[in-house]
PDB file of N, CA and C in Angstrom:
ATOM      1  N   UNK A   1     137.796  99.467 105.594  1.00  0.00           N
ATOM      2  CA  UNK A   1     137.683  99.353 104.256  1.00  0.00           C
ATOM      3  C   UNK A   1     138.905 100.040 103.674  1.00  0.00           C
ATOM      4  N   UNK A   2     139.770  99.457 102.842  1.00  0.00           N
ATOM      5  CA  UNK A   2     140.988  99.953 102.311  1.00  0.00           C
ATOM      6  C   UNK A   2     140.876 101.348 101.696  1.00  0.00           C
ATOM      7  N   UNK A   3     139.862 101.416 100.847  1.00  0.00           N
ATOM      8  CA  UNK A   3     139.556 102.663  99.982  1.00  0.00           C
ATOM      9  C   UNK A   3     139.449 103.920 100.994  1.00  0.00           C
ATOM     10  N   UNK A   4     138.619 103.632 102.051  1.00  0.00           N
ATOM     11  CA  UNK A   4     138.401 104.645 103.044  1.00  0.00           C
ATOM     12  C   UNK A   4     139.674 105.037 103.760  1.00  0.00           C
ATOM     13  N   UNK A   5     140.500 104.139 104.091  1.00  0.00           N
ATOM     14  CA  UNK A   5     141.840 104.449 104.749  1.00  0.00           C
ATOM     15  C   UNK A   5     142.689 105.314 103.856  1.00  0.00           C
ATOM     16  N   UNK A   6     142.639 105.102 102.572  1.00  0.00           N
ATOM     17  CA  UNK A   6     143.470 105.965 101.640  1.00  0.00           C
ATOM     18  C   UNK A   6     142.914 107.327 101.668  1.00  0.00           C
ATOM     19  N   UNK A   7     141.527 107.450 101.482  1.00  0.00           N
ATOM     20  CA  UNK A   7     140.984 108.800 101.440  1.00  0.00           C
ATOM     21  C   UNK A   7     141.205 109.453 102.842  1.00  0.00           C
ATOM     22  N   UNK A   8     141.027 108.866 103.901  1.00  0.00           N
ATOM     23  CA  UNK A   8     141.321 109.413 105.160  1.00  0.00           C
ATOM     24  C   UNK A   8     142.686 109.921 105.376  1.00  0.00           C
ATOM     25  N   UNK A   9     143.603 109.110 104.960  1.00  0.00           N
ATOM     26  CA  UNK A   9     145.050 109.479 105.149  1.00  0.00           C
ATOM     27  C   UNK A   9     145.379 110.686 104.192  1.00  0.00           C
ATOM     28  N   UNK A  10     144.831 110.690 103.019  1.00  0.00           N
ATOM     29  CA  UNK A  10     145.034 111.935 102.169  1.00  0.00           C
ATOM     30  C   UNK A  10     144.425 113.111 102.738  1.00  0.00           C
ATOM     31  N   UNK A  11     143.268 113.090 103.367  1.00  0.00           N
ATOM     32  CA  UNK A  11     142.638 114.222 104.012  1.00  0.00           C
ATOM     33  C   UNK A  11     143.493 114.720 105.212  1.00  0.00           C
ATOM     34  N   UNK A  12     144.011 113.729 106.007  1.00  0.00           N
ATOM     35  CA  UNK A  12     144.850 114.155 107.116  1.00  0.00           C
ATOM     36  C   UNK A  12     146.237 114.782 106.486  1.00  0.00           C
ATOM     37  N   UNK A  13     146.706 114.310 105.458  1.00  0.00           N
ATOM     38  CA  UNK A  13     147.954 114.837 104.857  1.00  0.00           C
ATOM     39  C   UNK A  13     147.585 116.408 104.488  1.00  0.00           C
ATOM     40  N   UNK A  14     146.580 116.543 103.876  1.00  0.00           N
ATOM     41  CA  UNK A  14     146.141 117.883 103.464  1.00  0.00           C
ATOM     42  C   UNK A  14     145.850 118.819 104.643  1.00  0.00           C
ATOM     43  N   UNK A  15     145.194 118.296 105.665  1.00  0.00           N
ATOM     44  CA  UNK A  15     144.905 119.005 106.850  1.00  0.00           C
ATOM     45  C   UNK A  15     146.165 119.528 107.538  1.00  0.00           C
ATOM     46  N   UNK A  16     147.185 118.593 107.586  1.00  0.00           N
ATOM     47  CA  UNK A  16     148.525 118.997 108.269  1.00  0.00           C
ATOM     48  C   UNK A  16     149.486 119.403 107.275  1.00  0.00           C
ATOM     49  N   UNK A  17     149.084 119.605 106.011  1.00  0.00           N
ATOM     50  CA  UNK A  17     149.943 119.926 104.898  1.00  0.00           C
ATOM     51  C   UNK A  17     151.323 119.260 105.015  1.00  0.00           C
ATOM     52  N   UNK A  18     151.299 118.052 104.620  1.00  0.00           N
ATOM     53  CA  UNK A  18     152.452 117.283 104.538  1.00  0.00           C
ATOM     54  C   UNK A  18     152.826 117.017 103.055  1.00  0.00           C
ATOM     55  N   UNK A  19     153.498 118.071 102.508  1.00  0.00           N
ATOM     56  CA  UNK A  19     153.641 117.903 100.907  1.00  0.00           C
ATOM     57  C   UNK A  19     154.410 116.698 100.625  1.00  0.00           C
ATOM     58  N   UNK A  20     155.415 116.281 101.447  1.00  0.00           N
ATOM     59  CA  UNK A  20     156.248 115.127 100.957  1.00  0.00           C
ATOM     60  C   UNK A  20     155.393 113.880 100.843  1.00  0.00           C
ATOM     61  N   UNK A  21     154.469 113.727 101.817  1.00  0.00           N
ATOM     62  CA  UNK A  21     153.519 112.564 101.854  1.00  0.00           C
ATOM     63  C   UNK A  21     152.625 112.642 100.647  1.00  0.00           C
ATOM     64  N   UNK A  22     152.069 113.774 100.310  1.00  0.00           N
ATOM     65  CA  UNK A  22     151.204 113.872  99.162  1.00  0.00           C
ATOM     66  C   UNK A  22     151.885 113.686  97.918  1.00  0.00           C
ATOM     67  N   UNK A  23     153.029 114.317  97.692  1.00  0.00           N
ATOM     68  CA  UNK A  23     153.805 114.226  96.450  1.00  0.00           C
ATOM     69  C   UNK A  23     154.217 112.752  96.153  1.00  0.00           C
ATOM     70  N   UNK A  24     154.496 112.046  97.205  1.00  0.00           N
ATOM     71  CA  UNK A  24     155.065 110.648  97.017  1.00  0.00           C
ATOM     72  C   UNK A  24     153.836 109.748  96.674  1.00  0.00           C
ATOM     73  N   UNK A  25     152.613 110.036  96.959  1.00  0.00           N
ATOM     74  CA  UNK A  25     151.488 109.313  96.775  1.00  0.00           C
ATOM     75  C   UNK A  25     150.590 109.648  95.598  1.00  0.00           C
ATOM     76  N   UNK A  26     150.658 110.831  95.151  1.00  0.00           N
ATOM     77  CA  UNK A  26     149.819 111.389  94.025  1.00  0.00           C
ATOM     78  C   UNK A  26     150.530 111.601  92.777  1.00  0.00           C
ATOM     79  N   UNK A  27     149.686 111.577  91.732  1.00  0.00           N
ATOM     80  CA  UNK A  27     150.183 112.002  90.402  1.00  0.00           C
ATOM     81  C   UNK A  27     149.023 112.382  89.533  1.00  0.00           C
ATOM     82  N   UNK A  28     149.278 113.110  88.502  1.00  0.00           N
ATOM     83  CA  UNK A  28     148.210 113.604  87.474  1.00  0.00           C
ATOM     84  C   UNK A  28     148.709 113.136  86.156  1.00  0.00           C
ATOM     85  N   UNK A  29     147.781 112.305  85.532  1.00  0.00           N
ATOM     86  CA  UNK A  29     148.166 111.869  84.115  1.00  0.00           C
ATOM     87  C   UNK A  29     147.178 112.540  83.213  1.00  0.00           C
ATOM     88  N   UNK A  30     147.759 113.300  82.216  1.00  0.00           N
ATOM     89  CA  UNK A  30     146.871 113.995  81.196  1.00  0.00           C
ATOM     90  C   UNK A  30     146.642 113.042  80.016  1.00  0.00           C
ATOM     91  N   UNK A  31     145.463 113.194  79.446  1.00  0.00           N
ATOM     92  CA  UNK A  31     145.031 112.522  78.251  1.00  0.00           C
ATOM     93  C   UNK A  31     144.436 111.077  78.550  1.00  0.00           C
ATOM     94  N   UNK A  32     143.878 110.565  77.473  1.00  0.00           N
ATOM     95  CA  UNK A  32     143.150 109.249  77.642  1.00  0.00           C
ATOM     96  C   UNK A  32     144.174 108.190  77.798  1.00  0.00           C
ATOM     97  N   UNK A  33     143.783 107.227  78.678  1.00  0.00           N
ATOM     98  CA  UNK A  33     144.772 106.089  79.029  1.00  0.00           C
ATOM     99  C   UNK A  33     143.868 104.946  78.924  1.00  0.00           C
ATOM    100  N   UNK A  34     144.239 104.044  78.117  1.00  0.00           N
ATOM    101  CA  UNK A  34     143.323 102.780  77.763  1.00  0.00           C
ATOM    102  C   UNK A  34     143.016 102.116  79.013  1.00  0.00           C
ATOM    103  N   UNK A  35     143.957 101.778  79.910  1.00  0.00           N
ATOM    104  CA  UNK A  35     143.649 101.120  81.041  1.00  0.00           C
ATOM    105  C   UNK A  35     142.938 101.856  82.114  1.00  0.00           C
ATOM    106  N   UNK A  36     142.873 103.189  82.043  1.00  0.00           N
ATOM    107  CA  UNK A  36     142.065 103.976  83.016  1.00  0.00           C
ATOM    108  C   UNK A  36     140.772 104.544  82.516  1.00  0.00           C
ATOM    109  N   UNK A  37     140.664 104.468  81.150  1.00  0.00           N
ATOM    110  CA  UNK A  37     139.535 105.208  80.520  1.00  0.00           C
ATOM    111  C   UNK A  37     138.211 104.442  80.946  1.00  0.00           C
ATOM    112  N   UNK A  38     137.126 105.365  80.820  1.00  0.00           N
ATOM    113  CA  UNK A  38     135.778 104.824  81.159  1.00  0.00           C
ATOM    114  C   UNK A  38     134.897 105.287  80.082  1.00  0.00           C
ATOM    115  N   UNK A  39     133.679 104.649  80.090  1.00  0.00           N
ATOM    116  CA  UNK A  39     132.702 104.999  78.953  1.00  0.00           C
ATOM    117  C   UNK A  39     132.304 106.488  79.291  1.00  0.00           C
ATOM    118  N   UNK A  40     132.383 107.327  78.282  1.00  0.00           N
ATOM    119  CA  UNK A  40     131.976 108.647  78.435  1.00  0.00           C
ATOM    120  C   UNK A  40     133.204 109.675  78.774  1.00  0.00           C
ATOM    121  N   UNK A  41     134.345 109.083  79.082  1.00  0.00           N
ATOM    122  CA  UNK A  41     135.612 109.966  79.155  1.00  0.00           C
ATOM    123  C   UNK A  41     135.946 110.673  77.841  1.00  0.00           C
ATOM    124  N   UNK A  42     136.222 111.935  77.936  1.00  0.00           N
ATOM    125  CA  UNK A  42     136.600 112.638  76.666  1.00  0.00           C
ATOM    126  C   UNK A  42     138.133 112.367  76.511  1.00  0.00           C
ATOM    127  N   UNK A  43     138.595 112.635  75.381  1.00  0.00           N
ATOM    128  CA  UNK A  43     139.933 112.336  75.082  1.00  0.00           C
ATOM    129  C   UNK A  43     140.881 113.230  75.841  1.00  0.00           C
ATOM    130  N   UNK A  44     140.371 114.357  76.309  1.00  0.00           N
ATOM    131  CA  UNK A  44     141.197 115.240  76.998  1.00  0.00           C
ATOM    132  C   UNK A  44     141.149 115.095  78.483  1.00  0.00           C
ATOM    133  N   UNK A  45     140.814 113.861  79.003  1.00  0.00           N
ATOM    134  CA  UNK A  45     140.577 113.629  80.340  1.00  0.00           C
ATOM    135  C   UNK A  45     141.833 113.693  81.164  1.00  0.00           C
ATOM    136  N   UNK A  46     141.618 114.116  82.439  1.00  0.00           N
ATOM    137  CA  UNK A  46     142.826 114.095  83.355  1.00  0.00           C
ATOM    138  C   UNK A  46     142.527 113.104  84.415  1.00  0.00           C
ATOM    139  N   UNK A  47     143.486 112.176  84.719  1.00  0.00           N
ATOM    140  CA  UNK A  47     143.267 111.116  85.751  1.00  0.00           C
ATOM    141  C   UNK A  47     144.158 111.602  87.033  1.00  0.00           C
ATOM    142  N   UNK A  48     143.476 111.562  88.044  1.00  0.00           N
ATOM    143  CA  UNK A  48     144.159 111.790  89.369  1.00  0.00           C
ATOM    144  C   UNK A  48     144.500 110.478  90.025  1.00  0.00           C
ATOM    145  N   UNK A  49     145.771 110.203  90.229  1.00  0.00           N
ATOM    146  CA  UNK A  49     146.158 108.992  90.775  1.00  0.00           C
ATOM    147  C   UNK A  49     146.613 109.039  92.233  1.00  0.00           C
ATOM    148  N   UNK A  50     146.244 108.072  92.973  1.00  0.00           N
ATOM    149  CA  UNK A  50     146.714 107.931  94.363  1.00  0.00           C
ATOM    150  C   UNK A  50     147.187 106.557  94.613  1.00  0.00           C
ATOM    151  N   UNK A  51     148.367 106.442  95.002  1.00  0.00           N
ATOM    152  CA  UNK A  51     149.086 105.111  95.188  1.00  0.00           C
ATOM    153  C   UNK A  51     148.898 104.218  93.942  1.00  0.00           C
ATOM    154  N   UNK A  52     148.966 104.765  92.766  1.00  0.00           N
ATOM    155  CA  UNK A  52     148.894 104.079  91.669  1.00  0.00           C
ATOM    156  C   UNK A  52     147.454 103.713  91.152  1.00  0.00           C
ATOM    157  N   UNK A  53     146.412 104.129  91.805  1.00  0.00           N
ATOM    158  CA  UNK A  53     145.109 103.889  91.451  1.00  0.00           C
ATOM    159  C   UNK A  53     144.361 105.205  91.058  1.00  0.00           C
ATOM    160  N   UNK A  54     143.433 105.092  90.049  1.00  0.00           N
ATOM    161  CA  UNK A  54     142.673 106.272  89.786  1.00  0.00           C
ATOM    162  C   UNK A  54     141.707 106.674  90.919  1.00  0.00           C
ATOM    163  N   UNK A  55     141.547 107.956  91.241  1.00  0.00           N
ATOM    164  CA  UNK A  55     140.869 108.376  92.409  1.00  0.00           C
ATOM    165  C   UNK A  55     139.380 107.928  92.350  1.00  0.00           C
ATOM    166  N   UNK A  56     138.850 107.818  91.188  1.00  0.00           N
ATOM    167  CA  UNK A  56     137.393 107.422  91.065  1.00  0.00           C
ATOM    168  C   UNK A  56     137.283 106.005  91.634  1.00  0.00           C
ATOM    169  N   UNK A  57     138.249 105.176  91.412  1.00  0.00           N
ATOM    170  CA  UNK A  57     138.212 103.806  91.878  1.00  0.00           C
ATOM    171  C   UNK A  57     138.239 103.745  93.415  1.00  0.00           C
ATOM    172  N   UNK A  58     138.820 104.740  94.093  1.00  0.00           N
ATOM    173  CA  UNK A  58     138.881 104.910  95.565  1.00  0.00           C
ATOM    174  C   UNK A  58     137.492 105.406  96.028  1.00  0.00           C
ATOM    175  N   UNK A  59     136.936 106.445  95.369  1.00  0.00           N
ATOM    176  CA  UNK A  59     135.821 107.079  95.862  1.00  0.00           C
ATOM    177  C   UNK A  59     134.517 106.280  95.697  1.00  0.00           C
ATOM    178  N   UNK A  60     134.367 105.545  94.579  1.00  0.00           N
ATOM    179  CA  UNK A  60     133.110 104.745  94.280  1.00  0.00           C
ATOM    180  C   UNK A  60     132.790 103.803  95.437  1.00  0.00           C
ATOM    181  N   UNK A  61     133.572 102.916  95.870  1.00  0.00           N
ATOM    182  CA  UNK A  61     133.226 101.976  96.927  1.00  0.00           C
ATOM    183  C   UNK A  61     132.739 102.650  98.217  1.00  0.00           C
ATOM    184  N   UNK A  62     133.366 103.817  98.475  1.00  0.00           N
ATOM    185  CA  UNK A  62     132.925 104.558  99.673  1.00  0.00           C
ATOM    186  C   UNK A  62     131.536 105.209  99.484  1.00  0.00           C
ATOM    187  N   UNK A  63     131.301 105.676  98.334  1.00  0.00           N
ATOM    188  CA  UNK A  63     130.024 106.305  97.965  1.00  0.00           C
ATOM    189  C   UNK A  63     129.033 105.223  98.021  1.00  0.00           C
ATOM    190  N   UNK A  64     129.223 103.954  97.627  1.00  0.00           N
ATOM    191  CA  UNK A  64     128.309 102.915  97.684  1.00  0.00           C
ATOM    192  C   UNK A  64     127.913 102.619  99.185  1.00  0.00           C
ATOM    193  N   UNK A  65     128.772 102.595 100.075  1.00  0.00           N
ATOM    194  CA  UNK A  65     128.617 102.308 101.468  1.00  0.00           C
ATOM    195  C   UNK A  65     127.680 103.392 102.010  1.00  0.00           C
ATOM    196  N   UNK A  66     128.003 104.622 101.794  1.00  0.00           N
ATOM    197  CA  UNK A  66     127.196 105.705 102.334  1.00  0.00           C
ATOM    198  C   UNK A  66     125.883 105.831 101.664  1.00  0.00           C
ATOM    199  N   UNK A  67     125.733 105.629 100.396  1.00  0.00           N
ATOM    200  CA  UNK A  67     124.483 105.511  99.728  1.00  0.00           C
ATOM    201  C   UNK A  67     123.550 104.419 100.328  1.00  0.00           C
ATOM    202  N   UNK A  68     124.090 103.278 100.409  1.00  0.00           N
ATOM    203  CA  UNK A  68     123.394 102.185 101.091  1.00  0.00           C
ATOM    204  C   UNK A  68     122.858 102.584 102.396  1.00  0.00           C
ATOM    205  N   UNK A  69     123.739 103.017 103.246  1.00  0.00           N
ATOM    206  CA  UNK A  69     123.274 103.490 104.659  1.00  0.00           C
ATOM    207  C   UNK A  69     122.119 104.471 104.567  1.00  0.00           C
ATOM    208  N   UNK A  70     122.245 105.516 103.802  1.00  0.00           N
ATOM    209  CA  UNK A  70     121.196 106.580 103.837  1.00  0.00           C
ATOM    210  C   UNK A  70     119.938 105.992 103.092  1.00  0.00           C
ATOM    211  N   UNK A  71     120.158 105.201 102.047  1.00  0.00           N
ATOM    212  CA  UNK A  71     118.940 104.661 101.412  1.00  0.00           C
ATOM    213  C   UNK A  71     118.184 103.713 102.216  1.00  0.00           C
ATOM    214  N   UNK A  72     118.797 102.909 103.122  1.00  0.00           N
ATOM    215  CA  UNK A  72     118.083 102.076 104.024  1.00  0.00           C
ATOM    216  C   UNK A  72     117.528 102.868 105.085  1.00  0.00           C
ATOM    217  N   UNK A  73     118.136 103.977 105.529  1.00  0.00           N
ATOM    218  CA  UNK A  73     117.642 104.830 106.585  1.00  0.00           C
ATOM    219  C   UNK A  73     116.422 105.525 106.203  1.00  0.00           C
ATOM    220  N   UNK A  74     116.242 105.901 104.977  1.00  0.00           N
ATOM    221  CA  UNK A  74     115.043 106.604 104.501  1.00  0.00           C
ATOM    222  C   UNK A  74     114.744 106.184 103.065  1.00  0.00           C
ATOM    223  N   UNK A  75     114.120 104.968 103.039  1.00  0.00           N
ATOM    224  CA  UNK A  75     113.742 104.319 101.841  1.00  0.00           C
ATOM    225  C   UNK A  75     112.724 105.155 101.209  1.00  0.00           C
ATOM    226  N   UNK A  76     112.839 105.215  99.735  1.00  0.00           N
ATOM    227  CA  UNK A  76     111.944 105.864  98.889  1.00  0.00           C
ATOM    228  C   UNK A  76     112.225 107.292  98.754  1.00  0.00           C
ATOM    229  N   UNK A  77     113.306 107.962  99.366  1.00  0.00           N
ATOM    230  CA  UNK A  77     113.747 109.191  99.236  1.00  0.00           C
ATOM    231  C   UNK A  77     114.800 109.371  98.169  1.00  0.00           C
ATOM    232  N   UNK A  78     115.234 108.313  97.609  1.00  0.00           N
ATOM    233  CA  UNK A  78     116.277 108.481  96.587  1.00  0.00           C
ATOM    234  C   UNK A  78     115.673 108.390  95.243  1.00  0.00           C
ATOM    235  N   UNK A  79     116.225 109.189  94.244  1.00  0.00           N
ATOM    236  CA  UNK A  79     115.618 109.116  92.886  1.00  0.00           C
ATOM    237  C   UNK A  79     115.991 107.781  92.276  1.00  0.00           C
ATOM    238  N   UNK A  80     115.101 107.253  91.368  1.00  0.00           N
ATOM    239  CA  UNK A  80     115.444 105.958  90.670  1.00  0.00           C
ATOM    240  C   UNK A  80     116.741 105.878  89.955  1.00  0.00           C
ATOM    241  N   UNK A  81     117.255 107.037  89.454  1.00  0.00           N
ATOM    242  CA  UNK A  81     118.536 107.024  88.707  1.00  0.00           C
ATOM    243  C   UNK A  81     119.662 106.761  89.582  1.00  0.00           C
ATOM    244  N   UNK A  82     119.574 106.957  90.892  1.00  0.00           N
ATOM    245  CA  UNK A  82     120.661 106.684  91.784  1.00  0.00           C
ATOM    246  C   UNK A  82     120.810 105.230  92.182  1.00  0.00           C
ATOM    247  N   UNK A  83     119.726 104.501  91.913  1.00  0.00           N
ATOM    248  CA  UNK A  83     119.774 103.085  92.361  1.00  0.00           C
ATOM    249  C   UNK A  83     120.668 102.141  91.594  1.00  0.00           C
TER     250      UNK A  83
END
């Protein structure tokens, strides 16, 4: 899964502290951005970018895979709000 590969490579760069790799791939954008904004974002939002993508766009597909796995493994243990 491409999102997982990005997160894994970021974790490895941090683990081995490769500042050049991280600085070339990451950026911080301050303030609301129309193309990156989400419902509920405050106007003072900070966007953490990796390879030109907002980090939440990378984390969410990974979360869904893990949630699906654990939800199937133990059905009925997840709150209704998480479905």
